Amino acid sequence: MSANKLFVGSLGYSVTDEELAELFATAGTVVSAKVIIDRDMNRSKGFGFVEMSTDEEAQNAIAQLAGKELGGRAIVVNVAKPMTERSSNPSSSRGSRY
């Protein structure tokens, strides 16, 4: 994963994609900003992802925005890590037990 993709945590549940993009635009060019929504609850999960146009702008965003308040909470900003593959549950009733 590229160093220009950022994980943003501790978001207030009312924060929108647009508010996230607006905040990060103060640090550089925002390619995309997405607050992750829980499908079952239809509300924010309290985190999102922002893609900046360059790695340098992403580093500036981390330096400038980590700890800033958004939606009433101090946000956490880090370089996004690749998603790890979920392991299957060995006690699952599907498949062979041996």
PDB file of N, CA and C in Angstrom:
ATOM      1  N   MET A   1       0.852  -1.180   0.000  1.00  0.00           N
ATOM      2  CA  MET A   1       0.000   0.000   0.000  1.00  0.00           C
ATOM      3  C   MET A   1       0.892   1.235   0.000  1.00  0.00           C
ATOM      4  N   SER A   2       0.488   2.215  -0.701  1.00  0.00           N
ATOM      5  CA  SER A   2       1.239   3.447  -0.847  1.00  0.00           C
ATOM      6  C   SER A   2       1.209   4.271   0.437  1.00  0.00           C
ATOM      7  N   ALA A   3       2.254   5.054   0.663  1.00  0.00           N
ATOM      8  CA  ALA A   3       2.341   5.875   1.877  1.00  0.00           C
ATOM      9  C   ALA A   3       1.463   7.120   1.798  1.00  0.00           C
ATOM     10  N   ASN A   4       0.744   7.321   0.689  1.00  0.00           N
ATOM     11  CA  ASN A   4      -0.138   8.486   0.592  1.00  0.00           C
ATOM     12  C   ASN A   4      -1.568   8.159   1.013  1.00  0.00           C
ATOM     13  N   LYS A   5      -1.811   6.917   1.437  1.00  0.00           N
ATOM     14  CA  LYS A   5      -3.136   6.519   1.930  1.00  0.00           C
ATOM     15  C   LYS A   5      -3.088   6.508   3.455  1.00  0.00           C
ATOM     16  N   LEU A   6      -4.027   7.219   4.056  1.00  0.00           N
ATOM     17  CA  LEU A   6      -4.011   7.414   5.500  1.00  0.00           C
ATOM     18  C   LEU A   6      -5.231   6.805   6.178  1.00  0.00           C
ATOM     19  N   PHE A   7      -5.005   6.247   7.359  1.00  0.00           N
ATOM     20  CA  PHE A   7      -6.069   5.786   8.236  1.00  0.00           C
ATOM     21  C   PHE A   7      -6.364   6.937   9.187  1.00  0.00           C
ATOM     22  N   VAL A   8      -7.643   7.245   9.379  1.00  0.00           N
ATOM     23  CA  VAL A   8      -8.045   8.300  10.299  1.00  0.00           C
ATOM     24  C   VAL A   8      -8.994   7.679  11.319  1.00  0.00           C
ATOM     25  N   GLY A   9      -8.571   7.656  12.572  1.00  0.00           N
ATOM     26  CA  GLY A   9      -9.370   7.037  13.618  1.00  0.00           C
ATOM     27  C   GLY A   9      -9.899   8.043  14.624  1.00  0.00           C
ATOM     28  N   SER A  10     -10.749   7.575  15.516  1.00  0.00           N
ATOM     29  CA  SER A  10     -11.384   8.383  16.568  1.00  0.00           C
ATOM     30  C   SER A  10     -12.262   9.485  16.004  1.00  0.00           C
ATOM     31  N   LEU A  11     -12.922   9.194  14.893  1.00  0.00           N
ATOM     32  CA  LEU A  11     -13.838  10.173  14.307  1.00  0.00           C
ATOM     33  C   LEU A  11     -15.150  10.194  15.090  1.00  0.00           C
ATOM     34  N   GLY A  12     -15.720  11.385  15.226  1.00  0.00           N
ATOM     35  CA  GLY A  12     -17.055  11.482  15.785  1.00  0.00           C
ATOM     36  C   GLY A  12     -18.025  10.812  14.825  1.00  0.00           C
ATOM     37  N   TYR A  13     -19.096  10.232  15.344  1.00  0.00           N
ATOM     38  CA  TYR A  13     -20.025   9.476  14.505  1.00  0.00           C
ATOM     39  C   TYR A  13     -20.783  10.344  13.501  1.00  0.00           C
ATOM     40  N   SER A  14     -20.779  11.651  13.684  1.00  0.00           N
ATOM     41  CA  SER A  14     -21.506  12.538  12.769  1.00  0.00           C
ATOM     42  C   SER A  14     -20.631  13.060  11.627  1.00  0.00           C
ATOM     43  N   VAL A  15     -19.327  12.755  11.634  1.00  0.00           N
ATOM     44  CA  VAL A  15     -18.410  13.270  10.607  1.00  0.00           C
ATOM     45  C   VAL A  15     -18.753  12.664   9.243  1.00  0.00           C
ATOM     46  N   THR A  16     -18.777  13.530   8.218  1.00  0.00           N
ATOM     47  CA  THR A  16     -19.093  13.102   6.849  1.00  0.00           C
ATOM     48  C   THR A  16     -17.824  13.011   6.008  1.00  0.00           C
ATOM     49  N   ASP A  17     -17.952  12.382   4.841  1.00  0.00           N
ATOM     50  CA  ASP A  17     -16.841  12.320   3.882  1.00  0.00           C
ATOM     51  C   ASP A  17     -16.371  13.730   3.543  1.00  0.00           C
ATOM     52  N   GLU A  18     -17.320  14.642   3.339  1.00  0.00           N
ATOM     53  CA  GLU A  18     -17.001  16.015   2.947  1.00  0.00           C
ATOM     54  C   GLU A  18     -16.219  16.746   4.040  1.00  0.00           C
ATOM     55  N   GLU A  19     -16.609  16.568   5.291  1.00  0.00           N
ATOM     56  CA  GLU A  19     -15.895  17.214   6.398  1.00  0.00           C
ATOM     57  C   GLU A  19     -14.474  16.667   6.517  1.00  0.00           C
ATOM     58  N   LEU A  20     -14.331  15.365   6.318  1.00  0.00           N
ATOM     59  CA  LEU A  20     -13.017  14.728   6.368  1.00  0.00           C
ATOM     60  C   LEU A  20     -12.121  15.289   5.261  1.00  0.00           C
ATOM     61  N   ALA A  21     -12.663  15.374   4.050  1.00  0.00           N
ATOM     62  CA  ALA A  21     -11.900  15.916   2.914  1.00  0.00           C
ATOM     63  C   ALA A  21     -11.525  17.375   3.145  1.00  0.00           C
ATOM     64  N   GLU A  22     -12.455  18.146   3.686  1.00  0.00           N
ATOM     65  CA  GLU A  22     -12.212  19.573   3.933  1.00  0.00           C
ATOM     66  C   GLU A  22     -11.062  19.774   4.921  1.00  0.00           C
ATOM     67  N   LEU A  23     -11.042  18.987   5.989  1.00  0.00           N
ATOM     68  CA  LEU A  23      -9.962  19.099   6.971  1.00  0.00           C
ATOM     69  C   LEU A  23      -8.618  18.744   6.345  1.00  0.00           C
ATOM     70  N   PHE A  24      -8.567  17.646   5.605  1.00  0.00           N
ATOM     71  CA  PHE A  24      -7.297  17.194   5.036  1.00  0.00           C
ATOM     72  C   PHE A  24      -6.833  18.074   3.878  1.00  0.00           C
ATOM     73  N   ALA A  25      -7.740  18.809   3.259  1.00  0.00           N
ATOM     74  CA  ALA A  25      -7.363  19.735   2.184  1.00  0.00           C
ATOM     75  C   ALA A  25      -6.459  20.854   2.707  1.00  0.00           C
ATOM     76  N   THR A  26      -6.482  21.097   4.012  1.00  0.00           N
ATOM     77  CA  THR A  26      -5.593  22.111   4.587  1.00  0.00           C
ATOM     78  C   THR A  26      -4.136  21.659   4.548  1.00  0.00           C
ATOM     79  N   ALA A  27      -3.889  20.365   4.346  1.00  0.00           N
ATOM     80  CA  ALA A  27      -2.535  19.815   4.321  1.00  0.00           C
ATOM     81  C   ALA A  27      -2.065  19.469   2.912  1.00  0.00           C
ATOM     82  N   GLY A  28      -2.955  19.570   1.901  1.00  0.00           N
ATOM     83  CA  GLY A  28      -2.571  19.230   0.533  1.00  0.00           C
ATOM     84  C   GLY A  28      -3.778  18.814  -0.285  1.00  0.00           C
ATOM     85  N   THR A  29      -3.500  18.204  -1.426  1.00  0.00           N
ATOM     86  CA  THR A  29      -4.559  17.792  -2.344  1.00  0.00           C
ATOM     87  C   THR A  29      -5.133  16.435  -1.935  1.00  0.00           C
ATOM     88  N   VAL A  30      -6.429  16.418  -1.691  1.00  0.00           N
ATOM     89  CA  VAL A  30      -7.111  15.189  -1.304  1.00  0.00           C
ATOM     90  C   VAL A  30      -7.628  14.487  -2.559  1.00  0.00           C
ATOM     91  N   VAL A  31      -7.214  13.244  -2.757  1.00  0.00           N
ATOM     92  CA  VAL A  31      -7.685  12.439  -3.883  1.00  0.00           C
ATOM     93  C   VAL A  31      -9.034  11.822  -3.531  1.00  0.00           C
ATOM     94  N   SER A  32      -9.153  11.297  -2.302  1.00  0.00           N
ATOM     95  CA  SER A  32     -10.414  10.721  -1.838  1.00  0.00           C
ATOM     96  C   SER A  32     -10.461  10.759  -0.314  1.00  0.00           C
ATOM     97  N   ALA A  33     -11.680  10.794   0.215  1.00  0.00           N
ATOM     98  CA  ALA A  33     -11.897  10.752   1.664  1.00  0.00           C
ATOM     99  C   ALA A  33     -13.168   9.953   1.904  1.00  0.00           C
ATOM    100  N   LYS A  34     -13.084   8.947   2.752  1.00  0.00           N
ATOM    101  CA  LYS A  34     -14.227   8.065   2.973  1.00  0.00           C
ATOM    102  C   LYS A  34     -14.344   7.691   4.442  1.00  0.00           C
ATOM    103  N   VAL A  35     -15.488   8.009   5.030  1.00  0.00           N
ATOM    104  CA  VAL A  35     -15.816   7.553   6.376  1.00  0.00           C
ATOM    105  C   VAL A  35     -16.456   6.179   6.218  1.00  0.00           C
ATOM    106  N   ILE A  36     -16.014   5.204   6.996  1.00  0.00           N
ATOM    107  CA  ILE A  36     -16.523   3.843   6.882  1.00  0.00           C
ATOM    108  C   ILE A  36     -17.829   3.726   7.666  1.00  0.00           C
ATOM    109  N   ILE A  37     -18.851   3.199   6.990  1.00  0.00           N
ATOM    110  CA  ILE A  37     -20.190   3.089   7.558  1.00  0.00           C
ATOM    111  C   ILE A  37     -20.502   1.628   7.890  1.00  0.00           C
ATOM    112  N   ASP A  38     -21.051   1.409   9.072  1.00  0.00           N
ATOM    113  CA  ASP A  38     -21.508   0.084   9.488  1.00  0.00           C
ATOM    114  C   ASP A  38     -22.797  -0.224   8.737  1.00  0.00           C
ATOM    115  N   ARG A  39     -22.813  -1.306   7.977  1.00  0.00           N
ATOM    116  CA  ARG A  39     -23.991  -1.653   7.167  1.00  0.00           C
ATOM    117  C   ARG A  39     -25.217  -1.948   8.019  1.00  0.00           C
ATOM    118  N   ASP A  40     -25.033  -2.610   9.148  1.00  0.00           N
ATOM    119  CA  ASP A  40     -26.169  -2.994   9.994  1.00  0.00           C
ATOM    120  C   ASP A  40     -26.756  -1.803  10.745  1.00  0.00           C
ATOM    121  N   MET A  41     -25.894  -0.949  11.268  1.00  0.00           N
ATOM    122  CA  MET A  41     -26.344   0.185  12.080  1.00  0.00           C
ATOM    123  C   MET A  41     -26.574   1.446  11.245  1.00  0.00           C
ATOM    124  N   ASN A  42     -26.055   1.458  10.010  1.00  0.00           N
ATOM    125  CA  ASN A  42     -26.150   2.604   9.110  1.00  0.00           C
ATOM    126  C   ASN A  42     -25.614   3.881   9.748  1.00  0.00           C
ATOM    127  N   ARG A  43     -24.465   3.744  10.440  1.00  0.00           N
ATOM    128  CA  ARG A  43     -23.789   4.909  11.003  1.00  0.00           C
ATOM    129  C   ARG A  43     -22.288   4.674  10.912  1.00  0.00           C
ATOM    130  N   SER A  44     -21.539   5.732  11.141  1.00  0.00           N
ATOM    131  CA  SER A  44     -20.088   5.660  11.062  1.00  0.00           C
ATOM    132  C   SER A  44     -19.529   4.644  12.049  1.00  0.00           C
ATOM    133  N   LYS A  45     -18.450   3.979  11.633  1.00  0.00           N
ATOM    134  CA  LYS A  45     -17.743   3.074  12.537  1.00  0.00           C
ATOM    135  C   LYS A  45     -16.703   3.833  13.353  1.00  0.00           C
ATOM    136  N   GLY A  46     -16.573   5.147  13.096  1.00  0.00           N
ATOM    137  CA  GLY A  46     -15.629   5.961  13.861  1.00  0.00           C
ATOM    138  C   GLY A  46     -14.238   6.029  13.254  1.00  0.00           C
ATOM    139  N   PHE A  47     -14.113   5.570  12.001  1.00  0.00           N
ATOM    140  CA  PHE A  47     -12.829   5.693  11.314  1.00  0.00           C
ATOM    141  C   PHE A  47     -13.060   5.851   9.819  1.00  0.00           C
ATOM    142  N   GLY A  48     -11.999   6.236   9.125  1.00  0.00           N
ATOM    143  CA  GLY A  48     -12.095   6.406   7.685  1.00  0.00           C
ATOM    144  C   GLY A  48     -10.721   6.389   7.051  1.00  0.00           C
ATOM    145  N   PHE A  49     -10.693   6.664   5.760  1.00  0.00           N
ATOM    146  CA  PHE A  49      -9.449   6.671   5.004  1.00  0.00           C
ATOM    147  C   PHE A  49      -9.396   7.903   4.119  1.00  0.00           C
ATOM    148  N   VAL A  50      -8.202   8.470   4.011  1.00  0.00           N
ATOM    149  CA  VAL A  50      -7.982   9.630   3.149  1.00  0.00           C
ATOM    150  C   VAL A  50      -6.785   9.311   2.266  1.00  0.00           C
ATOM    151  N   GLU A  51      -6.917   9.597   0.977  1.00  0.00           N
ATOM    152  CA  GLU A  51      -5.790   9.443   0.063  1.00  0.00           C
ATOM    153  C   GLU A  51      -5.354  10.824  -0.375  1.00  0.00           C
ATOM    154  N   MET A  52      -4.090  11.146  -0.129  1.00  0.00           N
ATOM    155  CA  MET A  52      -3.502  12.415  -0.537  1.00  0.00           C
ATOM    156  C   MET A  52      -2.816  12.202  -1.887  1.00  0.00           C
ATOM    157  N   SER A  53      -2.540  13.290  -2.620  1.00  0.00           N
ATOM    158  CA  SER A  53      -1.977  13.135  -3.961  1.00  0.00           C
ATOM    159  C   SER A  53      -0.520  12.682  -3.967  1.00  0.00           C
ATOM    160  N   THR A  54       0.234  12.981  -2.902  1.00  0.00           N
ATOM    161  CA  THR A  54       1.631  12.534  -2.838  1.00  0.00           C
ATOM    162  C   THR A  54       1.948  12.011  -1.436  1.00  0.00           C
ATOM    163  N   ASP A  55       3.023  11.237  -1.340  1.00  0.00           N
ATOM    164  CA  ASP A  55       3.481  10.741  -0.043  1.00  0.00           C
ATOM    165  C   ASP A  55       3.880  11.915   0.858  1.00  0.00           C
ATOM    166  N   GLU A  56       4.471  12.937   0.271  1.00  0.00           N
ATOM    167  CA  GLU A  56       4.897  14.114   1.042  1.00  0.00           C
ATOM    168  C   GLU A  56       3.695  14.823   1.664  1.00  0.00           C
ATOM    169  N   GLU A  57       2.630  14.979   0.892  1.00  0.00           N
ATOM    170  CA  GLU A  57       1.419  15.604   1.429  1.00  0.00           C
ATOM    171  C   GLU A  57       0.809  14.746   2.529  1.00  0.00           C
ATOM    172  N   ALA A  58       0.886  13.438   2.385  1.00  0.00           N
ATOM    173  CA  ALA A  58       0.378  12.540   3.422  1.00  0.00           C
ATOM    174  C   ALA A  58       1.173  12.719   4.714  1.00  0.00           C
ATOM    175  N   GLN A  59       2.482  12.818   4.593  1.00  0.00           N
ATOM    176  CA  GLN A  59       3.314  13.041   5.786  1.00  0.00           C
ATOM    177  C   GLN A  59       3.002  14.395   6.423  1.00  0.00           C
ATOM    178  N   ASN A  60       2.765  15.419   5.600  1.00  0.00           N
ATOM    179  CA  ASN A  60       2.373  16.729   6.126  1.00  0.00           C
ATOM    180  C   ASN A  60       1.044  16.634   6.864  1.00  0.00           C
ATOM    181  N   ALA A  61       0.108  15.879   6.300  1.00  0.00           N
ATOM    182  CA  ALA A  61      -1.208  15.713   6.929  1.00  0.00           C
ATOM    183  C   ALA A  61      -1.066  15.037   8.290  1.00  0.00           C
ATOM    184  N   ILE A  62      -0.223  14.017   8.372  1.00  0.00           N
ATOM    185  CA  ILE A  62      -0.006  13.337   9.653  1.00  0.00           C
ATOM    186  C   ILE A  62       0.545  14.331  10.671  1.00  0.00           C
ATOM    187  N   ALA A  63       1.575  15.079  10.274  1.00  0.00           N
ATOM    188  CA  ALA A  63       2.217  16.033  11.179  1.00  0.00           C
ATOM    189  C   ALA A  63       1.260  17.144  11.620  1.00  0.00           C
ATOM    190  N   GLN A  64       0.447  17.637  10.690  1.00  0.00           N
ATOM    191  CA  GLN A  64      -0.429  18.776  10.979  1.00  0.00           C
ATOM    192  C   GLN A  64      -1.731  18.391  11.662  1.00  0.00           C
ATOM    193  N   LEU A  65      -2.268  17.209  11.352  1.00  0.00           N
ATOM    194  CA  LEU A  65      -3.648  16.913  11.746  1.00  0.00           C
ATOM    195  C   LEU A  65      -3.812  15.873  12.854  1.00  0.00           C
ATOM    196  N   ALA A  66      -2.787  15.086  13.141  1.00  0.00           N
ATOM    197  CA  ALA A  66      -2.901  14.111  14.233  1.00  0.00           C
ATOM    198  C   ALA A  66      -3.171  14.870  15.526  1.00  0.00           C
ATOM    199  N   GLY A  67      -4.241  14.491  16.215  1.00  0.00           N
ATOM    200  CA  GLY A  67      -4.608  15.153  17.461  1.00  0.00           C
ATOM    201  C   GLY A  67      -5.559  16.326  17.298  1.00  0.00           C
ATOM    202  N   LYS A  68      -5.794  16.758  16.045  1.00  0.00           N
ATOM    203  CA  LYS A  68      -6.760  17.847  15.798  1.00  0.00           C
ATOM    204  C   LYS A  68      -8.160  17.365  16.106  1.00  0.00           C
ATOM    205  N   GLU A  69      -9.027  18.302  16.445  1.00  0.00           N
ATOM    206  CA  GLU A  69     -10.410  17.941  16.760  1.00  0.00           C
ATOM    207  C   GLU A  69     -11.261  17.962  15.499  1.00  0.00           C
ATOM    208  N   LEU A  70     -12.057  16.908  15.346  1.00  0.00           N
ATOM    209  CA  LEU A  70     -13.031  16.816  14.260  1.00  0.00           C
ATOM    210  C   LEU A  70     -14.225  16.044  14.803  1.00  0.00           C
ATOM    211  N   GLY A  71     -15.388  16.631  14.722  1.00  0.00           N
ATOM    212  CA  GLY A  71     -16.591  15.979  15.240  1.00  0.00           C
ATOM    213  C   GLY A  71     -16.557  15.822  16.748  1.00  0.00           C
ATOM    214  N   GLY A  72     -15.859  16.723  17.425  1.00  0.00           N
ATOM    215  CA  GLY A  72     -15.806  16.692  18.883  1.00  0.00           C
ATOM    216  C   GLY A  72     -14.796  15.732  19.474  1.00  0.00           C
ATOM    217  N   ARG A  73     -13.938  15.150  18.626  1.00  0.00           N
ATOM    218  CA  ARG A  73     -12.941  14.197  19.112  1.00  0.00           C
ATOM    219  C   ARG A  73     -11.586  14.481  18.489  1.00  0.00           C
ATOM    220  N   ALA A  74     -10.524  14.182  19.231  1.00  0.00           N
ATOM    221  CA  ALA A  74      -9.161  14.322  18.714  1.00  0.00           C
ATOM    222  C   ALA A  74      -8.882  13.125  17.813  1.00  0.00           C
ATOM    223  N   ILE A  75      -8.573  13.385  16.547  1.00  0.00           N
ATOM    224  CA  ILE A  75      -8.395  12.297  15.582  1.00  0.00           C
ATOM    225  C   ILE A  75      -6.988  11.697  15.629  1.00  0.00           C
ATOM    226  N   VAL A  76      -6.905  10.463  15.199  1.00  0.00           N
ATOM    227  CA  VAL A  76      -5.647   9.734  15.050  1.00  0.00           C
ATOM    228  C   VAL A  76      -5.398   9.632  13.549  1.00  0.00           C
ATOM    229  N   VAL A  77      -4.170   9.927  13.106  1.00  0.00           N
ATOM    230  CA  VAL A  77      -3.843   9.857  11.675  1.00  0.00           C
ATOM    231  C   VAL A  77      -2.558   9.058  11.511  1.00  0.00           C
ATOM    232  N   ASN A  78      -2.631   7.992  10.722  1.00  0.00           N
ATOM    233  CA  ASN A  78      -1.472   7.135  10.442  1.00  0.00           C
ATOM    234  C   ASN A  78      -1.493   6.714   8.981  1.00  0.00           C
ATOM    235  N   VAL A  79      -0.337   6.241   8.494  1.00  0.00           N
ATOM    236  CA  VAL A  79      -0.295   5.636   7.171  1.00  0.00           C
ATOM    237  C   VAL A  79      -1.133   4.359   7.245  1.00  0.00           C
ATOM    238  N   ALA A  80      -2.021   4.168   6.270  1.00  0.00           N
ATOM    239  CA  ALA A  80      -2.887   2.982   6.254  1.00  0.00           C
ATOM    240  C   ALA A  80      -2.062   1.738   5.988  1.00  0.00           C
ATOM    241  N   LYS A  81      -2.411   0.671   6.678  1.00  0.00           N
ATOM    242  CA  LYS A  81      -1.740  -0.619   6.476  1.00  0.00           C
ATOM    243  C   LYS A  81      -2.630  -1.488   5.604  1.00  0.00           C
ATOM    244  N   PRO A  82      -2.042  -2.392   4.828  1.00  0.00           N
ATOM    245  CA  PRO A  82      -2.859  -3.292   4.003  1.00  0.00           C
ATOM    246  C   PRO A  82      -3.767  -4.136   4.886  1.00  0.00           C
ATOM    247  N   MET A  83      -4.955  -4.428   4.373  1.00  0.00           N
ATOM    248  CA  MET A  83      -5.897  -5.252   5.107  1.00  0.00           C
ATOM    249  C   MET A  83      -5.380  -6.683   5.163  1.00  0.00           C
ATOM    250  N   THR A  84      -5.408  -7.277   6.349  1.00  0.00           N
ATOM    251  CA  THR A  84      -4.982  -8.668   6.471  1.00  0.00           C
ATOM    252  C   THR A  84      -6.154  -9.571   6.155  1.00  0.00           C
ATOM    253  N   GLU A  85      -5.857 -10.723   5.614  1.00  0.00           N
ATOM    254  CA  GLU A  85      -6.914 -11.655   5.257  1.00  0.00           C
ATOM    255  C   GLU A  85      -7.459 -12.302   6.518  1.00  0.00           C
ATOM    256  N   ARG A  86      -8.762 -12.403   6.596  1.00  0.00           N
ATOM    257  CA  ARG A  86      -9.391 -13.018   7.765  1.00  0.00           C
ATOM    258  C   ARG A  86      -9.233 -14.526   7.698  1.00  0.00           C
ATOM    259  N   SER A  87      -8.884 -15.117   8.832  1.00  0.00           N
ATOM    260  CA  SER A  87      -8.784 -16.575   8.867  1.00  0.00           C
ATOM    261  C   SER A  87     -10.160 -17.164   9.137  1.00  0.00           C
ATOM    262  N   SER A  88     -10.381 -18.354   8.632  1.00  0.00           N
ATOM    263  CA  SER A  88     -11.674 -18.993   8.861  1.00  0.00           C
ATOM    264  C   SER A  88     -11.693 -19.554  10.279  1.00  0.00           C
ATOM    265  N   ASN A  89     -12.863 -19.657  10.824  1.00  0.00           N
ATOM    266  CA  ASN A  89     -13.039 -20.165  12.175  1.00  0.00           C
ATOM    267  C   ASN A  89     -12.902 -21.687  12.152  1.00  0.00           C
ATOM    268  N   PRO A  90     -11.918 -22.251  12.864  1.00  0.00           N
ATOM    269  CA  PRO A  90     -11.732 -23.706  12.827  1.00  0.00           C
ATOM    270  C   PRO A  90     -12.887 -24.473  13.449  1.00  0.00           C
ATOM    271  N   SER A  91     -13.678 -23.833  14.290  1.00  0.00           N
ATOM    272  CA  SER A  91     -14.805 -24.534  14.912  1.00  0.00           C
ATOM    273  C   SER A  91     -16.079 -24.402  14.084  1.00  0.00           C
ATOM    274  N   SER A  92     -15.947 -23.844  12.904  1.00  0.00           N
ATOM    275  CA  SER A  92     -17.091 -23.668  12.037  1.00  0.00           C
ATOM    276  C   SER A  92     -17.676 -25.029  11.649  1.00  0.00           C
ATOM    277  N   SER A  93     -18.978 -25.058  11.437  1.00  0.00           N
ATOM    278  CA  SER A  93     -19.628 -26.317  11.088  1.00  0.00           C
ATOM    279  C   SER A  93     -19.439 -26.673   9.610  1.00  0.00           C
ATOM    280  N   ARG A  94     -18.857 -25.739   8.842  1.00  0.00           N
ATOM    281  CA  ARG A  94     -18.617 -26.023   7.432  1.00  0.00           C
ATOM    282  C   ARG A  94     -17.334 -26.819   7.243  1.00  0.00           C
ATOM    283  N   GLY A  95     -17.350 -27.696   6.280  1.00  0.00           N
ATOM    284  CA  GLY A  95     -16.130 -28.418   5.913  1.00  0.00           C
ATOM    285  C   GLY A  95     -15.795 -29.566   6.854  1.00  0.00           C
ATOM    286  N   SER A  96     -14.698 -30.206   6.539  1.00  0.00           N
ATOM    287  CA  SER A  96     -14.248 -31.371   7.286  1.00  0.00           C
ATOM    288  C   SER A  96     -13.622 -30.944   8.611  1.00  0.00           C
ATOM    289  N   ARG A  97     -13.761 -31.783   9.612  1.00  0.00           N
ATOM    290  CA  ARG A  97     -13.123 -31.536  10.904  1.00  0.00           C
ATOM    291  C   ARG A  97     -11.727 -32.124  10.939  1.00  0.00           C
ATOM    292  N   TYR A  98     -11.365 -32.900   9.949  1.00  0.00           N
ATOM    293  CA  TYR A  98     -10.062 -33.581   9.967  1.00  0.00           C
ATOM    294  C   TYR A  98      -9.139 -32.991   9.003  1.00  0.00           C
TER     295      TYR A  98
END
